[in-house]
Amino acid sequence: MPGSDSPALAPPEPELAGQNVVLIGGSAGIGLETARRARAQGADVILTGRRADRLEQAALDVGARRTAAFDVNDEDAVESFFGELSAPIDHVMITAGGPRYGPMLDLDSTQVREGIADHAVLALVVARNALAKMRPGGSLVLMGGTGARRVAPGLGIASAATVALPAFTAALALEIAPVRVNLIAAGFVDTPLSATLLGDRLEERRSELRAKLPIGRVVGPADVAALAVHLMANTALTGATYDIDGGQQFV
């Protein structure tokens, strides 16, 4: 054992020290938890979302540098937001948006286009506007899912969108290199959005997952945030899809 006069080991430097992280959809859930973890790892964070009141509370919660309230589906608003940012950007994470479920034959052509392309179009708009201000080696982190990989009644167009996103991620990573692009594919995550969608069935779903999942517990926002910050910090990772569902897709 080292003697009492051995020099103490210096604590490791925070992984994102001095870096700037933008969370698109950062007022709650996975986005907010990722902001919290990024702050703990030394980053300055900027939160965006639709509702200014929720953003204000979220900013106080995590110590965000600034917030911006706008609809990320409004391309002009996205362009304006990134155009007004003065500091270089290191990382952008997009958690806004969600899958579209339902029988495909019940959807009109516009809904089909949106269901397949929404995430990809959103990522392209963000990348196009953020790229000029991003440092080489920075990253764009996208969100997808694992739940629709198995084709089943009721999933509809969500299965097609789920399969398309990994290939889109890899292609975009090549186009905007040396900025990196990675996709997080999550299963059920216990967020406020999940609570809203499930309502009275939330606790039933939690109990079911605790009993079935190999990890014996429900995946939470902090689990996804830990993966997101690792993808930001590890500069060898790009063009790949990372599953985080506690083994849900296998059971």
C-alpha atoms as a PDB file:
ATOM      1  CA  MET A   1       0.000   0.000   0.000  1.00  0.00           C
ATOM      2  CA  PRO A   2       1.249   3.527  -0.685  1.00  0.00           C
ATOM      3  CA  GLY A   3       2.677   5.383   2.290  1.00  0.00           C
ATOM      4  CA  SER A   4       0.882   8.205   4.009  1.00  0.00           C
ATOM      5  CA  ASP A   5       3.178  10.696   2.297  1.00  0.00           C
ATOM      6  CA  SER A   6       2.267   9.490  -1.217  1.00  0.00           C
ATOM      7  CA  PRO A   7       0.906  12.299  -3.398  1.00  0.00           C
ATOM      8  CA  ALA A   8      -2.865  12.279  -3.786  1.00  0.00           C
ATOM      9  CA  LEU A   9      -4.192  11.446  -7.232  1.00  0.00           C
ATOM     10  CA  ALA A  10      -5.754  14.417  -8.974  1.00  0.00           C
ATOM     11  CA  PRO A  11      -9.451  13.959  -9.799  1.00  0.00           C
ATOM     12  CA  PRO A  12     -10.114  13.327 -13.493  1.00  0.00           C
ATOM     13  CA  GLU A  13     -10.935  16.385 -15.570  1.00  0.00           C
ATOM     14  CA  PRO A  14     -14.621  16.636 -16.504  1.00  0.00           C
ATOM     15  CA  GLU A  15     -15.199  15.020 -19.899  1.00  0.00           C
ATOM     16  CA  LEU A  16     -16.885  18.070 -21.448  1.00  0.00           C
ATOM     17  CA  ALA A  17     -14.914  20.830 -19.717  1.00  0.00           C
ATOM     18  CA  GLY A  18     -15.128  24.101 -21.651  1.00  0.00           C
ATOM     19  CA  GLN A  19     -17.503  22.711 -24.281  1.00  0.00           C
ATOM     20  CA  ASN A  20     -20.893  23.980 -25.434  1.00  0.00           C
ATOM     21  CA  VAL A  21     -23.885  21.655 -25.763  1.00  0.00           C
ATOM     22  CA  VAL A  22     -27.207  22.499 -27.410  1.00  0.00           C
ATOM     23  CA  LEU A  23     -30.246  20.414 -26.423  1.00  0.00           C
ATOM     24  CA  ILE A  24     -33.052  20.577 -28.987  1.00  0.00           C
ATOM     25  CA  GLY A  25     -36.013  19.559 -26.857  1.00  0.00           C
ATOM     26  CA  GLY A  26     -34.238  20.195 -23.588  1.00  0.00           C
ATOM     27  CA  SER A  27     -37.018  21.310 -21.266  1.00  0.00           C
ATOM     28  CA  ALA A  28     -37.921  17.871 -19.884  1.00  0.00           C
ATOM     29  CA  GLY A  29     -37.198  14.153 -19.955  1.00  0.00           C
ATOM     30  CA  ILE A  30     -34.123  12.836 -21.752  1.00  0.00           C
ATOM     31  CA  GLY A  31     -33.079  16.256 -23.061  1.00  0.00           C
ATOM     32  CA  LEU A  32     -33.160  17.879 -19.632  1.00  0.00           C
ATOM     33  CA  GLU A  33     -31.377  14.955 -17.977  1.00  0.00           C
ATOM     34  CA  THR A  34     -28.665  15.075 -20.640  1.00  0.00           C
ATOM     35  CA  ALA A  35     -28.268  18.797 -19.971  1.00  0.00           C
ATOM     36  CA  ARG A  36     -27.862  18.045 -16.271  1.00  0.00           C
ATOM     37  CA  ARG A  37     -25.196  15.415 -16.904  1.00  0.00           C
ATOM     38  CA  ALA A  38     -23.377  17.597 -19.438  1.00  0.00           C
ATOM     39  CA  ARG A  39     -23.249  20.400 -16.872  1.00  0.00           C
ATOM     40  CA  ALA A  40     -21.840  17.979 -14.301  1.00  0.00           C
ATOM     41  CA  GLN A  41     -19.121  17.135 -16.831  1.00  0.00           C
ATOM     42  CA  GLY A  42     -18.123  20.777 -17.245  1.00  0.00           C
ATOM     43  CA  ALA A  43     -20.151  21.881 -20.278  1.00  0.00           C
ATOM     44  CA  ASP A  44     -22.194  25.019 -20.818  1.00  0.00           C
ATOM     45  CA  VAL A  45     -25.673  24.114 -22.050  1.00  0.00           C
ATOM     46  CA  ILE A  46     -28.304  25.826 -24.161  1.00  0.00           C
ATOM     47  CA  LEU A  47     -31.872  24.530 -23.964  1.00  0.00           C
ATOM     48  CA  THR A  48     -34.530  24.864 -26.635  1.00  0.00           C
ATOM     49  CA  GLY A  49     -38.184  23.880 -26.653  1.00  0.00           C
ATOM     50  CA  ARG A  50     -41.618  25.160 -27.552  1.00  0.00           C
ATOM     51  CA  ARG A  51     -42.721  26.505 -24.180  1.00  0.00           C
ATOM     52  CA  ALA A  52     -40.838  29.429 -22.669  1.00  0.00           C
ATOM     53  CA  ASP A  53     -42.184  28.793 -19.158  1.00  0.00           C
ATOM     54  CA  ARG A  54     -40.952  25.198 -19.051  1.00  0.00           C
ATOM     55  CA  LEU A  55     -37.604  26.249 -20.490  1.00  0.00           C
ATOM     56  CA  GLU A  56     -37.167  28.907 -17.823  1.00  0.00           C
ATOM     57  CA  GLN A  57     -37.734  26.381 -15.035  1.00  0.00           C
ATOM     58  CA  ALA A  58     -35.459  23.818 -16.730  1.00  0.00           C
ATOM     59  CA  ALA A  59     -32.705  26.416 -17.105  1.00  0.00           C
ATOM     60  CA  LEU A  60     -32.851  27.203 -13.391  1.00  0.00           C
ATOM     61  CA  ASP A  61     -32.785  23.491 -12.623  1.00  0.00           C
ATOM     62  CA  VAL A  62     -29.549  22.745 -14.503  1.00  0.00           C
ATOM     63  CA  GLY A  63     -27.875  26.158 -14.674  1.00  0.00           C
ATOM     64  CA  ALA A  64     -28.246  26.570 -18.426  1.00  0.00           C
ATOM     65  CA  ARG A  65     -26.410  29.433 -20.110  1.00  0.00           C
ATOM     66  CA  ARG A  66     -29.442  30.425 -22.171  1.00  0.00           C
ATOM     67  CA  THR A  67     -32.727  29.168 -23.583  1.00  0.00           C
ATOM     68  CA  ALA A  68     -34.656  29.681 -26.814  1.00  0.00           C
ATOM     69  CA  ALA A  69     -38.336  28.934 -27.321  1.00  0.00           C
ATOM     70  CA  PHE A  70     -39.343  27.963 -30.865  1.00  0.00           C
ATOM     71  CA  ASP A  71     -40.917  25.149 -32.890  1.00  0.00           C
ATOM     72  CA  VAL A  72     -38.102  23.004 -34.254  1.00  0.00           C
ATOM     73  CA  ASN A  73     -40.310  22.086 -37.231  1.00  0.00           C
ATOM     74  CA  ASP A  74     -40.140  25.741 -38.323  1.00  0.00           C
ATOM     75  CA  GLU A  75     -37.031  25.865 -40.529  1.00  0.00           C
ATOM     76  CA  ASP A  76     -36.823  29.651 -40.384  1.00  0.00           C
ATOM     77  CA  ALA A  77     -36.857  29.530 -36.580  1.00  0.00           C
ATOM     78  CA  VAL A  78     -34.076  26.930 -36.555  1.00  0.00           C
ATOM     79  CA  GLU A  79     -31.988  29.045 -38.924  1.00  0.00           C
ATOM     80  CA  SER A  80     -32.552  32.135 -36.795  1.00  0.00           C
ATOM     81  CA  PHE A  81     -31.614  30.325 -33.577  1.00  0.00           C
ATOM     82  CA  PHE A  82     -28.281  29.018 -34.828  1.00  0.00           C
ATOM     83  CA  GLY A  83     -27.566  32.255 -36.648  1.00  0.00           C
ATOM     84  CA  GLU A  84     -27.778  34.164 -33.373  1.00  0.00           C
ATOM     85  CA  LEU A  85     -25.400  31.866 -31.455  1.00  0.00           C
ATOM     86  CA  SER A  86     -22.054  33.598 -31.043  1.00  0.00           C
ATOM     87  CA  ALA A  87     -19.981  30.914 -29.320  1.00  0.00           C
ATOM     88  CA  PRO A  88     -18.679  27.825 -31.121  1.00  0.00           C
ATOM     89  CA  ILE A  89     -20.859  24.713 -30.647  1.00  0.00           C
ATOM     90  CA  ASP A  90     -19.370  21.371 -29.690  1.00  0.00           C
ATOM     91  CA  HIS A  91     -22.427  19.120 -29.494  1.00  0.00           C
ATOM     92  CA  VAL A  92     -26.083  19.165 -30.510  1.00  0.00           C
ATOM     93  CA  MET A  93     -28.607  16.589 -29.298  1.00  0.00           C
ATOM     94  CA  ILE A  94     -32.096  16.318 -30.780  1.00  0.00           C
ATOM     95  CA  THR A  95     -34.778  14.743 -28.601  1.00  0.00           C
ATOM     96  CA  ALA A  96     -37.736  16.604 -30.112  1.00  0.00           C
ATOM     97  CA  GLY A  97     -40.253  14.651 -32.154  1.00  0.00           C
ATOM     98  CA  GLY A  98     -41.635  11.147 -31.836  1.00  0.00           C
ATOM     99  CA  PRO A  99     -42.819   8.135 -33.860  1.00  0.00           C
ATOM    100  CA  ARG A 100     -46.136   7.947 -35.682  1.00  0.00           C
ATOM    101  CA  TYR A 101     -48.137   4.785 -34.992  1.00  0.00           C
ATOM    102  CA  GLY A 102     -51.242   3.343 -36.596  1.00  0.00           C
ATOM    103  CA  PRO A 103     -52.215   1.215 -39.628  1.00  0.00           C
ATOM    104  CA  MET A 104     -50.502   2.453 -42.776  1.00  0.00           C
ATOM    105  CA  LEU A 105     -53.655   2.282 -44.892  1.00  0.00           C
ATOM    106  CA  ASP A 106     -55.308   4.733 -42.509  1.00  0.00           C
ATOM    107  CA  LEU A 107     -52.653   7.373 -43.221  1.00  0.00           C
ATOM    108  CA  ASP A 108     -52.801   9.843 -46.081  1.00  0.00           C
ATOM    109  CA  SER A 109     -49.756  10.514 -48.259  1.00  0.00           C
ATOM    110  CA  THR A 110     -48.655  13.514 -46.202  1.00  0.00           C
ATOM    111  CA  GLN A 111     -48.797  11.508 -42.972  1.00  0.00           C
ATOM    112  CA  VAL A 112     -46.780   8.703 -44.568  1.00  0.00           C
ATOM    113  CA  ARG A 113     -44.076  11.139 -45.715  1.00  0.00           C
ATOM    114  CA  GLU A 114     -43.961  12.715 -42.275  1.00  0.00           C
ATOM    115  CA  GLY A 115     -43.920   9.361 -40.509  1.00  0.00           C
ATOM    116  CA  ILE A 116     -40.938   8.089 -42.484  1.00  0.00           C
ATOM    117  CA  ALA A 117     -38.980  11.306 -42.915  1.00  0.00           C
ATOM    118  CA  ASP A 118     -39.694  13.495 -39.872  1.00  0.00           C
ATOM    119  CA  HIS A 119     -36.596  12.584 -37.854  1.00  0.00           C
ATOM    120  CA  ALA A 120     -34.297  12.629 -40.873  1.00  0.00           C
ATOM    121  CA  VAL A 121     -35.578  15.980 -42.139  1.00  0.00           C
ATOM    122  CA  LEU A 122     -35.300  17.502 -38.673  1.00  0.00           C
ATOM    123  CA  ALA A 123     -31.724  16.250 -38.319  1.00  0.00           C
ATOM    124  CA  LEU A 124     -30.803  17.633 -41.748  1.00  0.00           C
ATOM    125  CA  VAL A 125     -32.262  21.057 -40.971  1.00  0.00           C
ATOM    126  CA  VAL A 126     -30.400  21.213 -37.651  1.00  0.00           C
ATOM    127  CA  ALA A 127     -27.146  19.939 -39.165  1.00  0.00           C
ATOM    128  CA  ARG A 128     -27.308  22.389 -42.079  1.00  0.00           C
ATOM    129  CA  ASN A 129     -27.737  25.353 -39.754  1.00  0.00           C
ATOM    130  CA  ALA A 130     -25.418  24.259 -36.938  1.00  0.00           C
ATOM    131  CA  LEU A 131     -22.511  22.931 -38.973  1.00  0.00           C
ATOM    132  CA  ALA A 132     -20.789  26.248 -39.697  1.00  0.00           C
ATOM    133  CA  LYS A 133     -20.467  26.914 -35.961  1.00  0.00           C
ATOM    134  CA  MET A 134     -19.491  23.424 -34.810  1.00  0.00           C
ATOM    135  CA  ARG A 135     -15.956  22.552 -33.846  1.00  0.00           C
ATOM    136  CA  PRO A 136     -14.254  19.625 -35.655  1.00  0.00           C
ATOM    137  CA  GLY A 137     -14.701  16.476 -33.601  1.00  0.00           C
ATOM    138  CA  GLY A 138     -17.965  17.749 -32.148  1.00  0.00           C
ATOM    139  CA  SER A 139     -21.092  15.669 -32.458  1.00  0.00           C
ATOM    140  CA  LEU A 140     -24.735  15.520 -33.460  1.00  0.00           C
ATOM    141  CA  VAL A 141     -26.688  13.010 -31.343  1.00  0.00           C
ATOM    142  CA  LEU A 142     -30.018  11.766 -32.701  1.00  0.00           C
ATOM    143  CA  MET A 143     -32.793   9.841 -30.954  1.00  0.00           C
ATOM    144  CA  GLY A 144     -34.601   6.810 -32.332  1.00  0.00           C
ATOM    145  CA  GLY A 145     -36.078   3.641 -30.886  1.00  0.00           C
ATOM    146  CA  THR A 146     -35.964  -0.138 -30.773  1.00  0.00           C
ATOM    147  CA  GLY A 147     -39.643  -0.823 -30.136  1.00  0.00           C
ATOM    148  CA  ALA A 148     -40.760  -0.825 -33.790  1.00  0.00           C
ATOM    149  CA  ARG A 149     -37.988  -3.081 -35.140  1.00  0.00           C
ATOM    150  CA  ARG A 150     -40.319  -6.036 -34.935  1.00  0.00           C
ATOM    151  CA  VAL A 151     -43.079  -5.505 -37.470  1.00  0.00           C
ATOM    152  CA  ALA A 152     -46.449  -5.870 -35.761  1.00  0.00           C
ATOM    153  CA  PRO A 153     -50.050  -4.728 -36.234  1.00  0.00           C
ATOM    154  CA  GLY A 154     -50.538  -1.169 -35.125  1.00  0.00           C
ATOM    155  CA  LEU A 155     -46.931  -0.070 -35.557  1.00  0.00           C
ATOM    156  CA  GLY A 156     -47.495   0.928 -39.148  1.00  0.00           C
ATOM    157  CA  ILE A 157     -45.048   3.394 -40.602  1.00  0.00           C
ATOM    158  CA  ALA A 158     -42.991   3.520 -37.385  1.00  0.00           C
ATOM    159  CA  SER A 159     -41.245   0.278 -38.350  1.00  0.00           C
ATOM    160  CA  ALA A 160     -40.104   1.716 -41.677  1.00  0.00           C
ATOM    161  CA  ALA A 161     -38.827   4.876 -39.987  1.00  0.00           C
ATOM    162  CA  THR A 162     -36.996   2.856 -37.334  1.00  0.00           C
ATOM    163  CA  VAL A 163     -35.125   0.832 -39.946  1.00  0.00           C
ATOM    164  CA  ALA A 164     -34.240   3.900 -42.007  1.00  0.00           C
ATOM    165  CA  LEU A 165     -32.630   5.967 -39.238  1.00  0.00           C
ATOM    166  CA  PRO A 166     -29.405   3.945 -38.731  1.00  0.00           C
ATOM    167  CA  ALA A 167     -28.561   4.144 -42.448  1.00  0.00           C
ATOM    168  CA  PHE A 168     -29.400   7.837 -42.473  1.00  0.00           C
ATOM    169  CA  THR A 169     -27.127   8.377 -39.456  1.00  0.00           C
ATOM    170  CA  ALA A 170     -24.193   6.652 -41.139  1.00  0.00           C
ATOM    171  CA  ALA A 171     -24.669   8.606 -44.386  1.00  0.00           C
ATOM    172  CA  LEU A 172     -24.923  11.939 -42.570  1.00  0.00           C
ATOM    173  CA  ALA A 173     -21.789  11.145 -40.544  1.00  0.00           C
ATOM    174  CA  LEU A 174     -19.817  10.832 -43.768  1.00  0.00           C
ATOM    175  CA  GLU A 175     -21.250  14.034 -45.208  1.00  0.00           C
ATOM    176  CA  ILE A 176     -20.553  16.334 -42.263  1.00  0.00           C
ATOM    177  CA  ALA A 177     -17.275  14.819 -41.015  1.00  0.00           C
ATOM    178  CA  PRO A 178     -15.206  15.676 -39.018  1.00  0.00           C
ATOM    179  CA  VAL A 179     -18.321  16.515 -36.999  1.00  0.00           C
ATOM    180  CA  ARG A 180     -19.599  13.159 -35.758  1.00  0.00           C
ATOM    181  CA  VAL A 181     -23.153  11.772 -35.921  1.00  0.00           C
ATOM    182  CA  ASN A 182     -24.547   8.980 -33.746  1.00  0.00           C
ATOM    183  CA  LEU A 183     -28.011   7.561 -33.076  1.00  0.00           C
ATOM    184  CA  ILE A 184     -29.382   6.460 -29.708  1.00  0.00           C
ATOM    185  CA  ALA A 185     -32.113   3.826 -30.102  1.00  0.00           C
ATOM    186  CA  ALA A 186     -34.113   3.637 -26.884  1.00  0.00           C
ATOM    187  CA  GLY A 187     -36.892   1.344 -25.744  1.00  0.00           C
ATOM    188  CA  PHE A 188     -39.385   2.423 -23.096  1.00  0.00           C
ATOM    189  CA  VAL A 189     -37.914   5.258 -21.019  1.00  0.00           C
ATOM    190  CA  ASP A 190     -39.690   6.388 -17.852  1.00  0.00           C
ATOM    191  CA  THR A 191     -40.175  10.066 -18.704  1.00  0.00           C
ATOM    192  CA  PRO A 192     -42.958  12.607 -18.163  1.00  0.00           C
ATOM    193  CA  LEU A 193     -43.962  12.026 -21.798  1.00  0.00           C
ATOM    194  CA  SER A 194     -44.371   8.305 -21.125  1.00  0.00           C
ATOM    195  CA  ALA A 195     -46.504   9.136 -18.115  1.00  0.00           C
ATOM    196  CA  THR A 196     -48.706  11.395 -20.234  1.00  0.00           C
ATOM    197  CA  LEU A 197     -49.109   8.796 -22.987  1.00  0.00           C
ATOM    198  CA  LEU A 198     -49.866   5.865 -20.659  1.00  0.00           C
ATOM    199  CA  GLY A 199     -51.911   7.660 -18.044  1.00  0.00           C
ATOM    200  CA  ASP A 200     -53.432   5.144 -15.611  1.00  0.00           C
ATOM    201  CA  ARG A 201     -51.488   2.295 -17.258  1.00  0.00           C
ATOM    202  CA  LEU A 202     -48.063   3.711 -16.332  1.00  0.00           C
ATOM    203  CA  GLU A 203     -47.502   1.686 -13.163  1.00  0.00           C
ATOM    204  CA  GLU A 204     -48.749  -1.452 -14.891  1.00  0.00           C
ATOM    205  CA  ARG A 205     -46.182  -0.934 -17.650  1.00  0.00           C
ATOM    206  CA  ARG A 206     -43.399  -0.310 -15.138  1.00  0.00           C
ATOM    207  CA  SER A 207     -44.253  -3.523 -13.265  1.00  0.00           C
ATOM    208  CA  GLU A 208     -44.356  -5.505 -16.499  1.00  0.00           C
ATOM    209  CA  LEU A 209     -40.917  -4.257 -17.543  1.00  0.00           C
ATOM    210  CA  ARG A 210     -39.376  -4.878 -14.107  1.00  0.00           C
ATOM    211  CA  ALA A 211     -40.555  -8.471 -14.352  1.00  0.00           C
ATOM    212  CA  LYS A 212     -39.504  -9.074 -17.966  1.00  0.00           C
ATOM    213  CA  LEU A 213     -36.391  -7.035 -18.683  1.00  0.00           C
ATOM    214  CA  PRO A 214     -33.017  -8.769 -18.211  1.00  0.00           C
ATOM    215  CA  ILE A 215     -31.804  -5.773 -16.189  1.00  0.00           C
ATOM    216  CA  GLY A 216     -34.708  -6.131 -13.740  1.00  0.00           C
ATOM    217  CA  ARG A 217     -35.624  -2.445 -13.762  1.00  0.00           C
ATOM    218  CA  VAL A 218     -37.040   0.276 -15.971  1.00  0.00           C
ATOM    219  CA  VAL A 219     -34.740   2.428 -18.111  1.00  0.00           C
ATOM    220  CA  GLY A 220     -34.782   6.072 -17.002  1.00  0.00           C
ATOM    221  CA  PRO A 221     -33.692   9.383 -18.532  1.00  0.00           C
ATOM    222  CA  ALA A 222     -30.409   9.302 -16.590  1.00  0.00           C
ATOM    223  CA  ASP A 223     -29.456   6.044 -18.348  1.00  0.00           C
ATOM    224  CA  VAL A 224     -29.920   7.623 -21.766  1.00  0.00           C
ATOM    225  CA  ALA A 225     -28.174  10.809 -20.670  1.00  0.00           C
ATOM    226  CA  ALA A 226     -25.103   8.831 -19.603  1.00  0.00           C
ATOM    227  CA  LEU A 227     -24.902   7.279 -23.063  1.00  0.00           C
ATOM    228  CA  ALA A 228     -25.456  10.627 -24.787  1.00  0.00           C
ATOM    229  CA  VAL A 229     -22.627  12.326 -22.890  1.00  0.00           C
ATOM    230  CA  HIS A 230     -20.321   9.390 -23.644  1.00  0.00           C
ATOM    231  CA  LEU A 231     -21.079   9.763 -27.369  1.00  0.00           C
ATOM    232  CA  MET A 232     -20.205  13.442 -27.092  1.00  0.00           C
ATOM    233  CA  ALA A 233     -16.951  12.839 -25.217  1.00  0.00           C
ATOM    234  CA  ASN A 234     -15.599   9.822 -27.125  1.00  0.00           C
ATOM    235  CA  THR A 235     -14.235  11.249 -30.368  1.00  0.00           C
ATOM    236  CA  ALA A 236     -13.740   7.803 -31.943  1.00  0.00           C
ATOM    237  CA  LEU A 237     -17.490   7.199 -32.272  1.00  0.00           C
ATOM    238  CA  THR A 238     -19.406   8.191 -35.398  1.00  0.00           C
ATOM    239  CA  GLY A 239     -21.990   6.831 -37.811  1.00  0.00           C
ATOM    240  CA  ALA A 240     -23.266   4.184 -35.397  1.00  0.00           C
ATOM    241  CA  THR A 241     -26.478   3.229 -33.601  1.00  0.00           C
ATOM    242  CA  TYR A 242     -26.438   2.474 -29.871  1.00  0.00           C
ATOM    243  CA  ASP A 243     -29.331   0.529 -28.336  1.00  0.00           C
ATOM    244  CA  ILE A 244     -30.429   1.294 -24.786  1.00  0.00           C
ATOM    245  CA  ASP A 245     -33.586  -0.598 -23.835  1.00  0.00           C
ATOM    246  CA  GLY A 246     -32.559  -2.923 -21.010  1.00  0.00           C
ATOM    247  CA  GLY A 247     -32.977  -5.894 -23.373  1.00  0.00           C
ATOM    248  CA  GLN A 248     -36.604  -5.029 -24.199  1.00  0.00           C
ATOM    249  CA  GLN A 249     -36.323  -5.968 -27.866  1.00  0.00           C
ATOM    250  CA  PHE A 250     -35.276  -9.506 -26.957  1.00  0.00           C
ATOM    251  CA  VAL A 251     -38.154 -10.311 -24.623  1.00  0.00           C
END
